[in-house]
Amino acid sequence: MLNLIDLGYAPLMVDNWCDALLNDQIDDGMPMDLVDAYWGQPVDTQEIVEYYVPYEVCTYRTADGDYRQVTYKNGVVSRSTSNVADVRIR
Protein backbone atom coordinates (compact mmCIF):
# COMPACT_ATOMS: atom_id res chain seq x y z
CA MET A 1 0.00 0.00 0.00
CA LEU A 2 2.88 2.33 0.71
CA ASN A 3 3.86 2.10 -2.95
CA LEU A 4 0.46 3.54 -3.94
CA ILE A 5 1.02 6.46 -1.61
CA ASP A 6 4.49 6.94 -3.08
CA LEU A 7 2.86 7.03 -6.54
CA GLY A 8 0.74 10.00 -5.46
CA TYR A 9 -2.50 8.42 -4.28
CA ALA A 10 -3.94 10.07 -1.17
CA PRO A 11 -3.49 7.96 1.99
CA LEU A 12 -7.20 8.27 2.84
CA MET A 13 -8.13 7.00 -0.64
CA VAL A 14 -5.82 3.99 -0.29
CA ASP A 15 -7.29 3.29 3.16
CA ASN A 16 -10.84 3.44 1.76
CA TRP A 17 -9.89 1.09 -1.07
CA CYS A 18 -8.43 -1.40 1.41
CA ASP A 19 -11.60 -1.28 3.51
CA ALA A 20 -13.69 -1.86 0.38
CA LEU A 21 -11.57 -4.86 -0.65
CA LEU A 22 -11.95 -6.39 2.81
CA ASN A 23 -15.71 -6.31 2.12
CA ASP A 24 -15.19 -7.79 -1.38
CA GLN A 25 -16.18 -4.48 -2.96
CA ILE A 26 -14.51 -2.52 -5.74
CA ASP A 27 -14.47 1.25 -6.24
CA ASP A 28 -14.05 3.13 -9.50
CA GLY A 29 -10.49 4.38 -9.87
CA MET A 30 -8.86 1.51 -7.96
CA PRO A 31 -5.58 0.42 -9.56
CA MET A 32 -5.60 -3.04 -11.14
CA ASP A 33 -2.46 -3.98 -9.19
CA LEU A 34 -4.27 -3.44 -5.88
CA VAL A 35 -7.15 -5.71 -6.90
CA ASP A 36 -4.71 -8.37 -8.16
CA ALA A 37 -2.73 -8.15 -4.91
CA TYR A 38 -5.88 -8.80 -2.87
CA TRP A 39 -7.78 -11.37 -4.98
CA GLY A 40 -4.88 -12.85 -6.94
CA GLN A 41 -4.76 -13.32 -10.67
CA PRO A 42 -8.13 -13.33 -12.47
CA VAL A 43 -9.65 -16.67 -13.42
CA ASP A 44 -10.79 -15.19 -16.75
CA THR A 45 -9.85 -12.12 -18.77
CA GLN A 46 -11.51 -10.66 -21.84
CA GLU A 47 -10.61 -7.66 -23.91
CA ILE A 48 -13.49 -5.63 -25.30
CA VAL A 49 -13.81 -2.42 -27.29
CA GLU A 50 -16.72 -0.11 -26.68
CA TYR A 51 -17.04 3.05 -28.79
CA TYR A 52 -13.42 2.59 -29.94
CA VAL A 53 -12.19 2.49 -26.33
CA PRO A 54 -10.39 -0.70 -25.21
CA TYR A 55 -11.36 -2.26 -21.89
CA GLU A 56 -10.26 -5.36 -20.03
CA VAL A 57 -12.89 -7.37 -18.15
CA CYS A 58 -11.45 -9.64 -15.46
CA THR A 59 -13.32 -12.22 -13.41
CA TYR A 60 -11.95 -12.92 -9.93
CA ARG A 61 -12.82 -15.61 -7.42
CA THR A 62 -13.20 -14.26 -3.88
CA ALA A 63 -12.23 -16.12 -0.72
CA ASP A 64 -15.93 -16.91 -0.17
CA GLY A 65 -16.13 -18.64 -3.54
CA ASP A 66 -18.10 -15.85 -5.22
CA TYR A 67 -17.05 -14.38 -8.55
CA ARG A 68 -16.67 -10.68 -9.30
CA GLN A 69 -16.23 -9.05 -12.67
CA VAL A 70 -14.11 -5.93 -12.85
CA THR A 71 -13.81 -3.68 -15.89
CA TYR A 72 -10.52 -1.85 -16.32
CA LYS A 73 -9.49 0.99 -18.58
CA ASN A 74 -5.79 1.83 -18.65
CA GLY A 75 -5.11 -0.30 -15.57
CA VAL A 76 -7.72 1.26 -13.26
CA VAL A 77 -11.26 0.19 -12.41
CA SER A 78 -13.64 2.01 -14.71
CA ARG A 79 -16.89 0.36 -13.61
CA SER A 80 -18.10 -1.09 -10.36
CA THR A 81 -18.09 -4.85 -10.03
CA SER A 82 -21.01 -7.17 -10.07
CA ASN A 83 -21.47 -10.48 -8.34
CA VAL A 84 -21.40 -13.12 -11.03
CA ALA A 85 -23.62 -15.83 -9.64
CA ASP A 86 -23.92 -17.89 -12.79
CA VAL A 87 -20.21 -18.25 -13.52
CA ARG A 88 -18.88 -21.67 -12.63
CA ILE A 89 -15.26 -22.34 -13.45
CA ARG A 90 -14.02 -25.83 -12.82
PDB file of N, CA and C in Angstrom:
ATOM      1  N   MET A   1       0.811  -1.183   0.000  1.00  0.00           N
ATOM      2  CA  MET A   1       0.000   0.000   0.000  1.00  0.00           C
ATOM      3  C   MET A   1       0.860   1.254   0.000  1.00  0.00           C
ATOM      4  N   LEU A   2       2.000   1.166   0.660  1.00  0.00           N
ATOM      5  CA  LEU A   2       2.883   2.326   0.713  1.00  0.00           C
ATOM      6  C   LEU A   2       3.302   2.749  -0.680  1.00  0.00           C
ATOM      7  N   ASN A   3       3.481   1.775  -1.589  1.00  0.00           N
ATOM      8  CA  ASN A   3       3.862   2.099  -2.950  1.00  0.00           C
ATOM      9  C   ASN A   3       2.797   2.966  -3.626  1.00  0.00           C
ATOM     10  N   LEU A   4       1.523   2.716  -3.368  1.00  0.00           N
ATOM     11  CA  LEU A   4       0.460   3.538  -3.941  1.00  0.00           C
ATOM     12  C   LEU A   4       0.548   4.973  -3.434  1.00  0.00           C
ATOM     13  N   ILE A   5       0.859   5.127  -2.172  1.00  0.00           N
ATOM     14  CA  ILE A   5       1.019   6.462  -1.607  1.00  0.00           C
ATOM     15  C   ILE A   5       2.227   7.145  -2.234  1.00  0.00           C
ATOM     16  N   ASP A   6       3.299   6.389  -2.429  1.00  0.00           N
ATOM     17  CA  ASP A   6       4.490   6.942  -3.084  1.00  0.00           C
ATOM     18  C   ASP A   6       4.196   7.360  -4.520  1.00  0.00           C
ATOM     19  N   LEU A   7       3.229   6.692  -5.167  1.00  0.00           N
ATOM     20  CA  LEU A   7       2.862   7.027  -6.545  1.00  0.00           C
ATOM     21  C   LEU A   7       1.941   8.244  -6.632  1.00  0.00           C
ATOM     22  N   GLY A   8       1.550   8.781  -5.470  1.00  0.00           N
ATOM     23  CA  GLY A   8       0.745   9.998  -5.462  1.00  0.00           C
ATOM     24  C   GLY A   8      -0.700   9.839  -5.055  1.00  0.00           C
ATOM     25  N   TYR A   9      -1.135   8.609  -4.748  1.00  0.00           N
ATOM     26  CA  TYR A   9      -2.504   8.417  -4.278  1.00  0.00           C
ATOM     27  C   TYR A   9      -2.613   8.911  -2.839  1.00  0.00           C
ATOM     28  N   ALA A  10      -3.714   9.550  -2.517  1.00  0.00           N
ATOM     29  CA  ALA A  10      -3.939  10.070  -1.165  1.00  0.00           C
ATOM     30  C   ALA A  10      -4.059   8.912  -0.172  1.00  0.00           C
ATOM     31  N   PRO A  11      -3.416   9.040   1.002  1.00  0.00           N
ATOM     32  CA  PRO A  11      -3.492   7.955   1.994  1.00  0.00           C
ATOM     33  C   PRO A  11      -4.922   7.578   2.379  1.00  0.00           C
ATOM     34  N   LEU A  12      -5.819   8.568   2.490  1.00  0.00           N
ATOM     35  CA  LEU A  12      -7.203   8.266   2.842  1.00  0.00           C
ATOM     36  C   LEU A  12      -7.881   7.447   1.742  1.00  0.00           C
ATOM     37  N   MET A  13      -7.563   7.747   0.480  1.00  0.00           N
ATOM     38  CA  MET A  13      -8.135   6.996  -0.637  1.00  0.00           C
ATOM     39  C   MET A  13      -7.654   5.549  -0.602  1.00  0.00           C
ATOM     40  N   VAL A  14      -6.371   5.344  -0.372  1.00  0.00           N
ATOM     41  CA  VAL A  14      -5.816   3.989  -0.294  1.00  0.00           C
ATOM     42  C   VAL A  14      -6.453   3.234   0.865  1.00  0.00           C
ATOM     43  N   ASP A  15      -6.652   3.909   1.999  1.00  0.00           N
ATOM     44  CA  ASP A  15      -7.290   3.292   3.159  1.00  0.00           C
ATOM     45  C   ASP A  15      -8.730   2.892   2.837  1.00  0.00           C
ATOM     46  N   ASN A  16      -9.456   3.760   2.149  1.00  0.00           N
ATOM     47  CA  ASN A  16     -10.837   3.438   1.762  1.00  0.00           C
ATOM     48  C   ASN A  16     -10.888   2.263   0.798  1.00  0.00           C
ATOM     49  N   TRP A  17      -9.945   2.217  -0.143  1.00  0.00           N
ATOM     50  CA  TRP A  17      -9.890   1.089  -1.069  1.00  0.00           C
ATOM     51  C   TRP A  17      -9.641  -0.219  -0.325  1.00  0.00           C
ATOM     52  N   CYS A  18      -8.730  -0.184   0.638  1.00  0.00           N
ATOM     53  CA  CYS A  18      -8.426  -1.402   1.406  1.00  0.00           C
ATOM     54  C   CYS A  18      -9.647  -1.866   2.190  1.00  0.00           C
ATOM     55  N   ASP A  19     -10.368  -0.924   2.794  1.00  0.00           N
ATOM     56  CA  ASP A  19     -11.600  -1.278   3.509  1.00  0.00           C
ATOM     57  C   ASP A  19     -12.619  -1.892   2.555  1.00  0.00           C
ATOM     58  N   ALA A  20     -12.745  -1.324   1.366  1.00  0.00           N
ATOM     59  CA  ALA A  20     -13.688  -1.863   0.380  1.00  0.00           C
ATOM     60  C   ALA A  20     -13.302  -3.284  -0.009  1.00  0.00           C
ATOM     61  N   LEU A  21     -12.023  -3.517  -0.261  1.00  0.00           N
ATOM     62  CA  LEU A  21     -11.572  -4.862  -0.647  1.00  0.00           C
ATOM     63  C   LEU A  21     -11.833  -5.881   0.455  1.00  0.00           C
ATOM     64  N   LEU A  22     -11.669  -5.473   1.706  1.00  0.00           N
ATOM     65  CA  LEU A  22     -11.947  -6.387   2.813  1.00  0.00           C
ATOM     66  C   LEU A  22     -13.411  -6.821   2.825  1.00  0.00           C
ATOM     67  N   ASN A  23     -14.286  -5.988   2.240  1.00  0.00           N
ATOM     68  CA  ASN A  23     -15.708  -6.315   2.120  1.00  0.00           C
ATOM     69  C   ASN A  23     -16.055  -6.851   0.732  1.00  0.00           C
ATOM     70  N   ASP A  24     -15.017  -7.274  -0.019  1.00  0.00           N
ATOM     71  CA  ASP A  24     -15.187  -7.791  -1.383  1.00  0.00           C
ATOM     72  C   ASP A  24     -15.907  -6.804  -2.292  1.00  0.00           C
ATOM     73  N   GLN A  25     -15.607  -5.528  -2.128  1.00  0.00           N
ATOM     74  CA  GLN A  25     -16.179  -4.478  -2.960  1.00  0.00           C
ATOM     75  C   GLN A  25     -15.076  -3.796  -3.749  1.00  0.00           C
ATOM     76  N   ILE A  26     -15.449  -3.219  -4.872  1.00  0.00           N
ATOM     77  CA  ILE A  26     -14.510  -2.524  -5.738  1.00  0.00           C
ATOM     78  C   ILE A  26     -15.029  -1.109  -5.954  1.00  0.00           C
ATOM     79  N   ASP A  27     -14.114  -0.138  -5.977  1.00  0.00           N
ATOM     80  CA  ASP A  27     -14.475   1.250  -6.241  1.00  0.00           C
ATOM     81  C   ASP A  27     -13.870   1.692  -7.561  1.00  0.00           C
ATOM     82  N   ASP A  28     -14.603   2.543  -8.280  1.00  0.00           N
ATOM     83  CA  ASP A  28     -14.054   3.128  -9.496  1.00  0.00           C
ATOM     84  C   ASP A  28     -12.753   3.852  -9.175  1.00  0.00           C
ATOM     85  N   GLY A  29     -11.777   3.708 -10.062  1.00  0.00           N
ATOM     86  CA  GLY A  29     -10.491   4.376  -9.872  1.00  0.00           C
ATOM     87  C   GLY A  29      -9.434   3.542  -9.171  1.00  0.00           C
ATOM     88  N   MET A  30      -9.829   2.393  -8.619  1.00  0.00           N
ATOM     89  CA  MET A  30      -8.856   1.511  -7.964  1.00  0.00           C
ATOM     90  C   MET A  30      -7.844   1.007  -8.984  1.00  0.00           C
ATOM     91  N   PRO A  31      -6.570   0.979  -8.640  1.00  0.00           N
ATOM     92  CA  PRO A  31      -5.578   0.417  -9.560  1.00  0.00           C
ATOM     93  C   PRO A  31      -5.732  -1.106  -9.677  1.00  0.00           C
ATOM     94  N   MET A  32      -5.512  -1.605 -10.879  1.00  0.00           N
ATOM     95  CA  MET A  32      -5.599  -3.039 -11.145  1.00  0.00           C
ATOM     96  C   MET A  32      -4.634  -3.826 -10.246  1.00  0.00           C
ATOM     97  N   ASP A  33      -3.453  -3.284 -10.014  1.00  0.00           N
ATOM     98  CA  ASP A  33      -2.461  -3.984  -9.191  1.00  0.00           C
ATOM     99  C   ASP A  33      -2.957  -4.216  -7.771  1.00  0.00           C
ATOM    100  N   LEU A  34      -3.732  -3.279  -7.228  1.00  0.00           N
ATOM    101  CA  LEU A  34      -4.274  -3.441  -5.881  1.00  0.00           C
ATOM    102  C   LEU A  34      -5.286  -4.579  -5.844  1.00  0.00           C
ATOM    103  N   VAL A  35      -6.155  -4.642  -6.837  1.00  0.00           N
ATOM    104  CA  VAL A  35      -7.153  -5.713  -6.896  1.00  0.00           C
ATOM    105  C   VAL A  35      -6.460  -7.070  -7.066  1.00  0.00           C
ATOM    106  N   ASP A  36      -5.468  -7.122  -7.962  1.00  0.00           N
ATOM    107  CA  ASP A  36      -4.711  -8.366  -8.161  1.00  0.00           C
ATOM    108  C   ASP A  36      -3.978  -8.787  -6.888  1.00  0.00           C
ATOM    109  N   ALA A  37      -3.455  -7.832  -6.159  1.00  0.00           N
ATOM    110  CA  ALA A  37      -2.732  -8.152  -4.914  1.00  0.00           C
ATOM    111  C   ALA A  37      -3.677  -8.749  -3.876  1.00  0.00           C
ATOM    112  N   TYR A  38      -4.930  -8.305  -3.869  1.00  0.00           N
ATOM    113  CA  TYR A  38      -5.883  -8.798  -2.874  1.00  0.00           C
ATOM    114  C   TYR A  38      -6.531 -10.115  -3.296  1.00  0.00           C
ATOM    115  N   TRP A  39      -7.057 -10.184  -4.527  1.00  0.00           N
ATOM    116  CA  TRP A  39      -7.782 -11.373  -4.981  1.00  0.00           C
ATOM    117  C   TRP A  39      -6.934 -12.348  -5.777  1.00  0.00           C
ATOM    118  N   GLY A  40      -5.717 -11.978  -6.119  1.00  0.00           N
ATOM    119  CA  GLY A  40      -4.882 -12.853  -6.944  1.00  0.00           C
ATOM    120  C   GLY A  40      -5.174 -12.634  -8.415  1.00  0.00           C
ATOM    121  N   GLN A  41      -4.576 -13.446  -9.230  1.00  0.00           N
ATOM    122  CA  GLN A  41      -4.765 -13.323 -10.668  1.00  0.00           C
ATOM    123  C   GLN A  41      -6.200 -13.680 -11.047  1.00  0.00           C
ATOM    124  N   PRO A  42      -6.757 -13.016 -12.055  1.00  0.00           N
ATOM    125  CA  PRO A  42      -8.127 -13.331 -12.472  1.00  0.00           C
ATOM    126  C   PRO A  42      -8.231 -14.743 -13.040  1.00  0.00           C
ATOM    127  N   VAL A  43      -9.413 -15.338 -12.867  1.00  0.00           N
ATOM    128  CA  VAL A  43      -9.650 -16.670 -13.421  1.00  0.00           C
ATOM    129  C   VAL A  43     -10.040 -16.584 -14.895  1.00  0.00           C
ATOM    130  N   ASP A  44     -10.446 -15.398 -15.346  1.00  0.00           N
ATOM    131  CA  ASP A  44     -10.788 -15.191 -16.747  1.00  0.00           C
ATOM    132  C   ASP A  44     -10.568 -13.724 -17.089  1.00  0.00           C
ATOM    133  N   THR A  45     -10.085 -13.481 -18.298  1.00  0.00           N
ATOM    134  CA  THR A  45      -9.849 -12.121 -18.767  1.00  0.00           C
ATOM    135  C   THR A  45     -10.335 -12.007 -20.207  1.00  0.00           C
ATOM    136  N   GLN A  46     -11.036 -10.933 -20.487  1.00  0.00           N
ATOM    137  CA  GLN A  46     -11.508 -10.661 -21.844  1.00  0.00           C
ATOM    138  C   GLN A  46     -11.180  -9.219 -22.198  1.00  0.00           C
ATOM    139  N   GLU A  47     -10.821  -9.010 -23.434  1.00  0.00           N
ATOM    140  CA  GLU A  47     -10.612  -7.657 -23.914  1.00  0.00           C
ATOM    141  C   GLU A  47     -11.798  -7.280 -24.785  1.00  0.00           C
ATOM    142  N   ILE A  48     -12.358  -6.105 -24.519  1.00  0.00           N
ATOM    143  CA  ILE A  48     -13.492  -5.630 -25.296  1.00  0.00           C
ATOM    144  C   ILE A  48     -13.210  -4.201 -25.770  1.00  0.00           C
ATOM    145  N   VAL A  49     -13.905  -3.792 -26.800  1.00  0.00           N
ATOM    146  CA  VAL A  49     -13.810  -2.421 -27.291  1.00  0.00           C
ATOM    147  C   VAL A  49     -15.221  -1.868 -27.354  1.00  0.00           C
ATOM    148  N   GLU A  50     -15.410  -0.738 -26.705  1.00  0.00           N
ATOM    149  CA  GLU A  50     -16.719  -0.107 -26.681  1.00  0.00           C
ATOM    150  C   GLU A  50     -16.543   1.342 -27.127  1.00  0.00           C
ATOM    151  N   TYR A  51     -17.183   1.697 -28.215  1.00  0.00           N
ATOM    152  CA  TYR A  51     -17.043   3.046 -28.788  1.00  0.00           C
ATOM    153  C   TYR A  51     -15.575   3.399 -29.027  1.00  0.00           C
ATOM    154  N   TYR A  52     -14.841   2.442 -29.586  1.00  0.00           N
ATOM    155  CA  TYR A  52     -13.421   2.589 -29.938  1.00  0.00           C
ATOM    156  C   TYR A  52     -12.499   2.728 -28.721  1.00  0.00           C
ATOM    157  N   VAL A  53     -12.999   2.428 -27.549  1.00  0.00           N
ATOM    158  CA  VAL A  53     -12.193   2.492 -26.327  1.00  0.00           C
ATOM    159  C   VAL A  53     -11.957   1.063 -25.834  1.00  0.00           C
ATOM    160  N   PRO A  54     -10.672   0.659 -25.691  1.00  0.00           N
ATOM    161  CA  PRO A  54     -10.395  -0.702 -25.213  1.00  0.00           C
ATOM    162  C   PRO A  54     -10.566  -0.829 -23.698  1.00  0.00           C
ATOM    163  N   TYR A  55     -11.185  -1.922 -23.302  1.00  0.00           N
ATOM    164  CA  TYR A  55     -11.359  -2.258 -21.889  1.00  0.00           C
ATOM    165  C   TYR A  55     -10.898  -3.687 -21.668  1.00  0.00           C
ATOM    166  N   GLU A  56     -10.582  -3.992 -20.431  1.00  0.00           N
ATOM    167  CA  GLU A  56     -10.257  -5.361 -20.032  1.00  0.00           C
ATOM    168  C   GLU A  56     -11.239  -5.758 -18.936  1.00  0.00           C
ATOM    169  N   VAL A  57     -11.935  -6.868 -19.138  1.00  0.00           N
ATOM    170  CA  VAL A  57     -12.887  -7.367 -18.152  1.00  0.00           C
ATOM    171  C   VAL A  57     -12.281  -8.605 -17.516  1.00  0.00           C
ATOM    172  N   CYS A  58     -12.069  -8.530 -16.203  1.00  0.00           N
ATOM    173  CA  CYS A  58     -11.454  -9.642 -15.464  1.00  0.00           C
ATOM    174  C   CYS A  58     -12.467 -10.215 -14.481  1.00  0.00           C
ATOM    175  N   THR A  59     -12.481 -11.529 -14.374  1.00  0.00           N
ATOM    176  CA  THR A  59     -13.322 -12.218 -13.407  1.00  0.00           C
ATOM    177  C   THR A  59     -12.421 -12.802 -12.326  1.00  0.00           C
ATOM    178  N   TYR A  60     -12.731 -12.457 -11.078  1.00  0.00           N
ATOM    179  CA  TYR A  60     -11.950 -12.917  -9.926  1.00  0.00           C
ATOM    180  C   TYR A  60     -12.802 -13.837  -9.062  1.00  0.00           C
ATOM    181  N   ARG A  61     -12.136 -14.758  -8.392  1.00  0.00           N
ATOM    182  CA  ARG A  61     -12.816 -15.608  -7.416  1.00  0.00           C
ATOM    183  C   ARG A  61     -12.442 -15.096  -6.036  1.00  0.00           C
ATOM    184  N   THR A  62     -13.448 -14.775  -5.232  1.00  0.00           N
ATOM    185  CA  THR A  62     -13.196 -14.264  -3.884  1.00  0.00           C
ATOM    186  C   THR A  62     -12.932 -15.428  -2.933  1.00  0.00           C
ATOM    187  N   ALA A  63     -12.501 -15.094  -1.732  1.00  0.00           N
ATOM    188  CA  ALA A  63     -12.226 -16.123  -0.719  1.00  0.00           C
ATOM    189  C   ALA A  63     -13.490 -16.890  -0.336  1.00  0.00           C
ATOM    190  N   ASP A  64     -14.653 -16.256  -0.487  1.00  0.00           N
ATOM    191  CA  ASP A  64     -15.926 -16.909  -0.171  1.00  0.00           C
ATOM    192  C   ASP A  64     -16.436 -17.801  -1.294  1.00  0.00           C
ATOM    193  N   GLY A  65     -15.714 -17.824  -2.418  1.00  0.00           N
ATOM    194  CA  GLY A  65     -16.128 -18.637  -3.537  1.00  0.00           C
ATOM    195  C   GLY A  65     -17.034 -17.923  -4.526  1.00  0.00           C
ATOM    196  N   ASP A  66     -17.308 -16.643  -4.278  1.00  0.00           N
ATOM    197  CA  ASP A  66     -18.096 -15.849  -5.222  1.00  0.00           C
ATOM    198  C   ASP A  66     -17.185 -15.362  -6.340  1.00  0.00           C
ATOM    199  N   TYR A  67     -17.793 -14.928  -7.424  1.00  0.00           N
ATOM    200  CA  TYR A  67     -17.053 -14.379  -8.547  1.00  0.00           C
ATOM    201  C   TYR A  67     -17.432 -12.924  -8.739  1.00  0.00           C
ATOM    202  N   ARG A  68     -16.445 -12.102  -9.044  1.00  0.00           N
ATOM    203  CA  ARG A  68     -16.670 -10.679  -9.297  1.00  0.00           C
ATOM    204  C   ARG A  68     -16.043 -10.315 -10.631  1.00  0.00           C
ATOM    205  N   GLN A  69     -16.775  -9.551 -11.415  1.00  0.00           N
ATOM    206  CA  GLN A  69     -16.230  -9.046 -12.668  1.00  0.00           C
ATOM    207  C   GLN A  69     -15.824  -7.595 -12.468  1.00  0.00           C
ATOM    208  N   VAL A  70     -14.651  -7.270 -12.968  1.00  0.00           N
ATOM    209  CA  VAL A  70     -14.111  -5.926 -12.852  1.00  0.00           C
ATOM    210  C   VAL A  70     -13.725  -5.456 -14.246  1.00  0.00           C
ATOM    211  N   THR A  71     -14.149  -4.263 -14.598  1.00  0.00           N
ATOM    212  CA  THR A  71     -13.806  -3.679 -15.890  1.00  0.00           C
ATOM    213  C   THR A  71     -12.739  -2.622 -15.684  1.00  0.00           C
ATOM    214  N   TYR A  72     -11.646  -2.768 -16.427  1.00  0.00           N
ATOM    215  CA  TYR A  72     -10.523  -1.847 -16.322  1.00  0.00           C
ATOM    216  C   TYR A  72     -10.352  -1.061 -17.609  1.00  0.00           C
ATOM    217  N   LYS A  73      -9.921   0.173 -17.456  1.00  0.00           N
ATOM    218  CA  LYS A  73      -9.495   0.995 -18.577  1.00  0.00           C
ATOM    219  C   LYS A  73      -8.164   1.608 -18.169  1.00  0.00           C
ATOM    220  N   ASN A  74      -7.134   1.324 -18.945  1.00  0.00           N
ATOM    221  CA  ASN A  74      -5.786   1.830 -18.651  1.00  0.00           C
ATOM    222  C   ASN A  74      -5.292   1.435 -17.258  1.00  0.00           C
ATOM    223  N   GLY A  75      -5.639   0.229 -16.824  1.00  0.00           N
ATOM    224  CA  GLY A  75      -5.111  -0.297 -15.569  1.00  0.00           C
ATOM    225  C   GLY A  75      -5.818   0.158 -14.306  1.00  0.00           C
ATOM    226  N   VAL A  76      -6.942   0.872 -14.441  1.00  0.00           N
ATOM    227  CA  VAL A  76      -7.723   1.258 -13.262  1.00  0.00           C
ATOM    228  C   VAL A  76      -9.172   0.841 -13.464  1.00  0.00           C
ATOM    229  N   VAL A  77      -9.864   0.605 -12.351  1.00  0.00           N
ATOM    230  CA  VAL A  77     -11.264   0.195 -12.409  1.00  0.00           C
ATOM    231  C   VAL A  77     -12.076   1.326 -13.026  1.00  0.00           C
ATOM    232  N   SER A  78     -12.838   0.983 -14.057  1.00  0.00           N
ATOM    233  CA  SER A  78     -13.640   2.007 -14.712  1.00  0.00           C
ATOM    234  C   SER A  78     -15.133   1.793 -14.487  1.00  0.00           C
ATOM    235  N   ARG A  79     -15.492   0.648 -13.938  1.00  0.00           N
ATOM    236  CA  ARG A  79     -16.887   0.363 -13.612  1.00  0.00           C
ATOM    237  C   ARG A  79     -16.927  -0.480 -12.359  1.00  0.00           C
ATOM    238  N   SER A  80     -17.950  -0.292 -11.571  1.00  0.00           N
ATOM    239  CA  SER A  80     -18.104  -1.095 -10.364  1.00  0.00           C
ATOM    240  C   SER A  80     -18.290  -2.556 -10.722  1.00  0.00           C
ATOM    241  N   THR A  81     -17.986  -3.415  -9.779  1.00  0.00           N
ATOM    242  CA  THR A  81     -18.089  -4.850 -10.030  1.00  0.00           C
ATOM    243  C   THR A  81     -19.505  -5.335  -9.814  1.00  0.00           C
ATOM    244  N   SER A  82     -19.743  -6.498 -10.320  1.00  0.00           N
ATOM    245  CA  SER A  82     -21.011  -7.172 -10.071  1.00  0.00           C
ATOM    246  C   SER A  82     -20.700  -8.570  -9.574  1.00  0.00           C
ATOM    247  N   ASN A  83     -21.593  -9.100  -8.800  1.00  0.00           N
ATOM    248  CA  ASN A  83     -21.465 -10.475  -8.342  1.00  0.00           C
ATOM    249  C   ASN A  83     -21.926 -11.369  -9.480  1.00  0.00           C
ATOM    250  N   VAL A  84     -21.084 -12.254  -9.907  1.00  0.00           N
ATOM    251  CA  VAL A  84     -21.395 -13.121 -11.030  1.00  0.00           C
ATOM    252  C   VAL A  84     -21.818 -14.474 -10.472  1.00  0.00           C
ATOM    253  N   ALA A  85     -23.110 -14.626 -10.269  1.00  0.00           N
ATOM    254  CA  ALA A  85     -23.616 -15.833  -9.637  1.00  0.00           C
ATOM    255  C   ALA A  85     -23.648 -17.023 -10.567  1.00  0.00           C
ATOM    256  N   ASP A  86     -23.773 -16.779 -11.861  1.00  0.00           N
ATOM    257  CA  ASP A  86     -23.922 -17.893 -12.788  1.00  0.00           C
ATOM    258  C   ASP A  86     -22.621 -18.374 -13.406  1.00  0.00           C
ATOM    259  N   VAL A  87     -21.511 -17.827 -12.982  1.00  0.00           N
ATOM    260  CA  VAL A  87     -20.209 -18.254 -13.518  1.00  0.00           C
ATOM    261  C   VAL A  87     -19.711 -19.425 -12.676  1.00  0.00           C
ATOM    262  N   ARG A  88     -19.440 -20.509 -13.314  1.00  0.00           N
ATOM    263  CA  ARG A  88     -18.881 -21.674 -12.627  1.00  0.00           C
ATOM    264  C   ARG A  88     -17.653 -22.119 -13.394  1.00  0.00           C
ATOM    265  N   ILE A  89     -16.505 -21.927 -12.818  1.00  0.00           N
ATOM    266  CA  ILE A  89     -15.262 -22.336 -13.455  1.00  0.00           C
ATOM    267  C   ILE A  89     -14.733 -23.540 -12.715  1.00  0.00           C
ATOM    268  N   ARG A  90     -14.484 -24.577 -13.453  1.00  0.00           N
ATOM    269  CA  ARG A  90     -14.022 -25.827 -12.823  1.00  0.00           C
ATOM    270  C   ARG A  90     -12.593 -26.097 -13.194  1.00  0.00           C
TER     271      ARG A  90
END
